C-alpha atoms as a PDB file:
ATOM      1  CA  MET A   1     116.343 113.641 116.614  1.00  0.00           C
ATOM      2  CA  VAL A   2     113.050 111.847 114.519  1.00  0.00           C
ATOM      3  CA  GLU A   3     110.137 111.161 116.339  1.00  0.00           C
ATOM      4  CA  ASN A   4     107.393 110.380 113.753  1.00  0.00           C
ATOM      5  CA  PHE A   5     104.090 109.357 115.171  1.00  0.00           C
ATOM      6  CA  TYR A   6     101.454 107.196 113.051  1.00  0.00           C
ATOM      7  CA  ASP A   7      97.803 107.612 113.379  1.00  0.00           C
ATOM      8  CA  ILE A   8      96.662 104.319 114.561  1.00  0.00           C
ATOM      9  CA  GLU A   9      93.050 105.198 115.449  1.00  0.00           C
ATOM     10  CA  GLU A  10      91.301 103.510 112.638  1.00  0.00           C
ATOM     11  CA  LEU A  11      93.101 100.113 113.434  1.00  0.00           C
ATOM     12  CA  THR A  12      90.409  97.444 114.812  1.00  0.00           C
ATOM     13  CA  THR A  13      90.809  95.623 117.467  1.00  0.00           C
ATOM     14  CA  GLU A  14      91.570  92.821 115.509  1.00  0.00           C
ATOM     15  CA  GLN A  15      93.801  94.363 113.492  1.00  0.00           C
ATOM     16  CA  LEU A  16      95.601  95.706 116.411  1.00  0.00           C
ATOM     17  CA  LYS A  17      96.079  92.239 118.025  1.00  0.00           C
ATOM     18  CA  GLU A  18      97.424  90.719 114.492  1.00  0.00           C
ATOM     19  CA  LEU A  19     100.117  93.547 114.564  1.00  0.00           C
ATOM     20  CA  PHE A  20     101.001  92.183 118.090  1.00  0.00           C
ATOM     21  CA  ARG A  21     101.321  88.123 117.154  1.00  0.00           C
ATOM     22  CA  THR A  22     102.518  89.031 113.920  1.00  0.00           C
ATOM     23  CA  TYR A  23     105.726  91.289 115.260  1.00  0.00           C
ATOM     24  CA  ARG A  24     106.362  89.934 118.787  1.00  0.00           C
ATOM     25  CA  GLY A  25     108.658  87.499 117.450  1.00  0.00           C
ATOM     26  CA  ARG A  26     110.461  90.156 116.064  1.00  0.00           C
ATOM     27  CA  GLY A  27     110.972  92.719 119.084  1.00  0.00           C
ATOM     28  CA  TRP A  28     111.078  92.687 122.398  1.00  0.00           C
ATOM     29  CA  VAL A  29     107.617  93.814 125.373  1.00  0.00           C
ATOM     30  CA  ASP A  30     108.361  96.621 127.813  1.00  0.00           C
ATOM     31  CA  PHE A  31     105.650  97.928 130.207  1.00  0.00           C
ATOM     32  CA  ASP A  32     105.120 101.547 131.480  1.00  0.00           C
ATOM     33  CA  TYR A  33     102.946 103.163 133.908  1.00  0.00           C
ATOM     34  CA  TYR A  34     101.478 106.568 132.363  1.00  0.00           C
ATOM     35  CA  ASP A  35     101.645 109.032 135.017  1.00  0.00           C
ATOM     36  CA  LEU A  36     104.930 109.383 136.899  1.00  0.00           C
ATOM     37  CA  MET A  37     105.749 107.122 139.651  1.00  0.00           C
ATOM     38  CA  SER A  38     107.839 106.759 142.674  1.00  0.00           C
ATOM     39  CA  GLU A  39     111.151 105.904 141.906  1.00  0.00           C
ATOM     40  CA  GLY A  40     111.527 101.794 142.332  1.00  0.00           C
ATOM     41  CA  VAL A  41     107.787 101.430 141.218  1.00  0.00           C
ATOM     42  CA  ILE A  42     107.417  99.449 138.229  1.00  0.00           C
ATOM     43  CA  PRO A  43     104.279  97.883 136.557  1.00  0.00           C
ATOM     44  CA  PRO A  44     103.947  93.884 136.615  1.00  0.00           C
ATOM     45  CA  GLN A  45     105.220  91.903 133.824  1.00  0.00           C
ATOM     46  CA  LEU A  46     102.331  90.608 131.589  1.00  0.00           C
ATOM     47  CA  PRO A  47     102.549  87.546 129.559  1.00  0.00           C
ATOM     48  CA  ASP A  48     101.301  88.145 126.308  1.00  0.00           C
ATOM     49  CA  GLU A  49      98.147  85.892 126.346  1.00  0.00           C
ATOM     50  CA  LEU A  50      97.119  88.410 128.617  1.00  0.00           C
ATOM     51  CA  ILE A  51      98.103  91.396 126.657  1.00  0.00           C
ATOM     52  CA  LEU A  52      96.424  90.486 123.555  1.00  0.00           C
ATOM     53  CA  ARG A  53      93.676  89.902 125.839  1.00  0.00           C
ATOM     54  CA  ASN A  54      93.701  93.483 127.019  1.00  0.00           C
ATOM     55  CA  ILE A  55      93.979  95.203 123.332  1.00  0.00           C
ATOM     56  CA  ASN A  56      91.468  96.940 122.321  1.00  0.00           C
ATOM     57  CA  GLY A  57      90.847  99.206 119.051  1.00  0.00           C
ATOM     58  CA  ASP A  58      89.424 102.055 121.421  1.00  0.00           C
ATOM     59  CA  ASN A  59      91.864 102.869 123.797  1.00  0.00           C
ATOM     60  CA  GLU A  60      93.113 105.996 123.587  1.00  0.00           C
ATOM     61  CA  MET A  61      96.554 105.173 125.126  1.00  0.00           C
ATOM     62  CA  ASN A  62      97.071 102.938 121.672  1.00  0.00           C
ATOM     63  CA  MET A  63     100.452 104.743 119.541  1.00  0.00           C
ATOM     64  CA  PHE A  64     102.635 104.079 116.873  1.00  0.00           C
ATOM     65  CA  VAL A  65     105.829 106.228 117.244  1.00  0.00           C
ATOM     66  CA  TYR A  66     109.375 105.730 115.165  1.00  0.00           C
ATOM     67  CA  MET A  67     112.636 107.191 117.080  1.00  0.00           C
ATOM     68  CA  LEU A  68     115.974 107.806 115.431  1.00  0.00           C
ATOM     69  CA  ASP A  69     118.228 109.371 117.866  1.00  0.00           C
ATOM     70  CA  HIS A  70     115.995 109.812 120.629  1.00  0.00           C
ATOM     71  CA  GLU A  71     117.764 110.220 123.908  1.00  0.00           C
ATOM     72  CA  ASP A  72     115.935 107.693 125.756  1.00  0.00           C
ATOM     73  CA  GLU A  73     114.856 105.511 123.543  1.00  0.00           C
ATOM     74  CA  GLN A  74     117.010 102.792 121.294  1.00  0.00           C
ATOM     75  CA  ASP A  75     116.641 103.537 117.586  1.00  0.00           C
ATOM     76  CA  GLY A  76     113.171 102.007 116.056  1.00  0.00           C
ATOM     77  CA  ILE A  77     109.399 101.584 115.973  1.00  0.00           C
ATOM     78  CA  MET A  78     107.503 101.641 119.144  1.00  0.00           C
ATOM     79  CA  ILE A  79     103.918 100.476 119.321  1.00  0.00           C
ATOM     80  CA  GLY A  80     101.994 101.260 122.634  1.00  0.00           C
ATOM     81  CA  PHE A  81      98.958  98.991 123.235  1.00  0.00           C
ATOM     82  CA  GLY A  82      96.338 100.447 126.165  1.00  0.00           C
ATOM     83  CA  LEU A  83      95.334  97.954 128.591  1.00  0.00           C
ATOM     84  CA  THR A  84      91.493  97.237 129.076  1.00  0.00           C
ATOM     85  CA  GLU A  85      91.678  95.558 132.797  1.00  0.00           C
ATOM     86  CA  TYR A  86      94.968  97.988 133.417  1.00  0.00           C
ATOM     87  CA  PRO A  87      94.514 101.261 132.365  1.00  0.00           C
ATOM     88  CA  ASP A  88      97.340 103.023 134.752  1.00  0.00           C
ATOM     89  CA  PHE A  89     100.225 101.109 132.249  1.00  0.00           C
ATOM     90  CA  GLY A  90     100.676 100.769 128.845  1.00  0.00           C
ATOM     91  CA  ALA A  91     102.452  97.545 126.914  1.00  0.00           C
ATOM     92  CA  TYR A  92     105.147  98.808 124.229  1.00  0.00           C
ATOM     93  CA  LEU A  93     105.957  96.547 121.896  1.00  0.00           C
ATOM     94  CA  HIS A  94     109.936  97.470 120.597  1.00  0.00           C
ATOM     95  CA  LEU A  95     110.693  96.833 117.258  1.00  0.00           C
ATOM     96  CA  ASP A  96     113.687  97.394 114.676  1.00  0.00           C
ATOM     97  CA  LYS A  97     113.657 100.474 112.568  1.00  0.00           C
ATOM     98  CA  SER A  98     113.805  98.202 109.532  1.00  0.00           C
ATOM     99  CA  LEU A  99     110.143  96.648 109.212  1.00  0.00           C
ATOM    100  CA  LEU A 100     108.830 100.358 109.563  1.00  0.00           C
ATOM    101  CA  ASP A 101     108.321 100.630 105.690  1.00  0.00           C
ATOM    102  CA  GLY A 102     106.232  97.338 105.806  1.00  0.00           C
ATOM    103  CA  ILE A 103     103.964  98.128 108.724  1.00  0.00           C
ATOM    104  CA  VAL A 104     103.117 101.314 107.101  1.00  0.00           C
ATOM    105  CA  ALA A 105     102.442 100.342 103.777  1.00  0.00           C
ATOM    106  CA  GLU A 106     100.492  96.868 105.298  1.00  0.00           C
ATOM    107  CA  TYR A 107      98.490  98.982 107.750  1.00  0.00           C
ATOM    108  CA  ASN A 108      97.980 102.439 105.509  1.00  0.00           C
ATOM    109  CA  LEU A 109      99.251 104.524 108.495  1.00  0.00           C
ATOM    110  CA  LYS A 110     100.227 108.165 107.866  1.00  0.00           C
ATOM    111  CA  ILE A 111     101.929 110.626 109.968  1.00  0.00           C
ATOM    112  CA  LYS A 112     100.071 112.286 112.725  1.00  0.00           C
ATOM    113  CA  PRO A 113     100.475 116.027 112.530  1.00  0.00           C
ATOM    114  CA  THR A 114     102.794 117.024 115.489  1.00  0.00           C
ATOM    115  CA  GLY A 115      99.392 118.503 117.145  1.00  0.00           C
ATOM    116  CA  GLU A 116      97.304 115.812 117.683  1.00  0.00           C
ATOM    117  CA  ILE A 117      99.864 113.993 119.641  1.00  0.00           C
ATOM    118  CA  PRO A 118      98.080 113.077 123.150  1.00  0.00           C
ATOM    119  CA  PHE A 119     100.292 112.772 126.328  1.00  0.00           C
ATOM    120  CA  GLN A 120     104.322 112.668 126.801  1.00  0.00           C
ATOM    121  CA  VAL A 121     105.322 108.402 126.343  1.00  0.00           C
ATOM    122  CA  ARG A 122     107.711 107.508 128.898  1.00  0.00           C
ATOM    123  CA  ARG A 123     110.160 104.487 129.133  1.00  0.00           C
ATOM    124  CA  ASP A 124     112.077 103.150 132.375  1.00  0.00           C
ATOM    125  CA  ASN A 125     111.523  99.161 132.577  1.00  0.00           C
ATOM    126  CA  SER A 126     112.437  96.956 130.118  1.00  0.00           C
ATOM    127  CA  VAL A 127     111.776  93.316 129.265  1.00  0.00           C
ATOM    128  CA  ASN A 128     113.075  91.181 126.924  1.00  0.00           C
END
């Protein structure tokens, strides 16, 4: 299993919004609560416009991870966006692994040392 987290803390709000707008059409979005909820409790499904309005470069829940052979996820990239008006859950953009090198180069992303990963990533609710 490979799980590489990339540092996106230096990206501005506009860069994160650009990243979402540019790649949204090439992937799918799902939403998940940060804390484990009772079975059947799911976050609301937000339209892209509302996600964009809530993206903020200072949100500590923003994250970028590349996953390969992960037990609960499809191989590829998952970009998490903390949402300003919805602090209990995030929006996650899932992209094909073939896009990794281009995004890493375009935004000059570096892999985070494992000790700097701030939270456990969980998924259960997907929307295409």
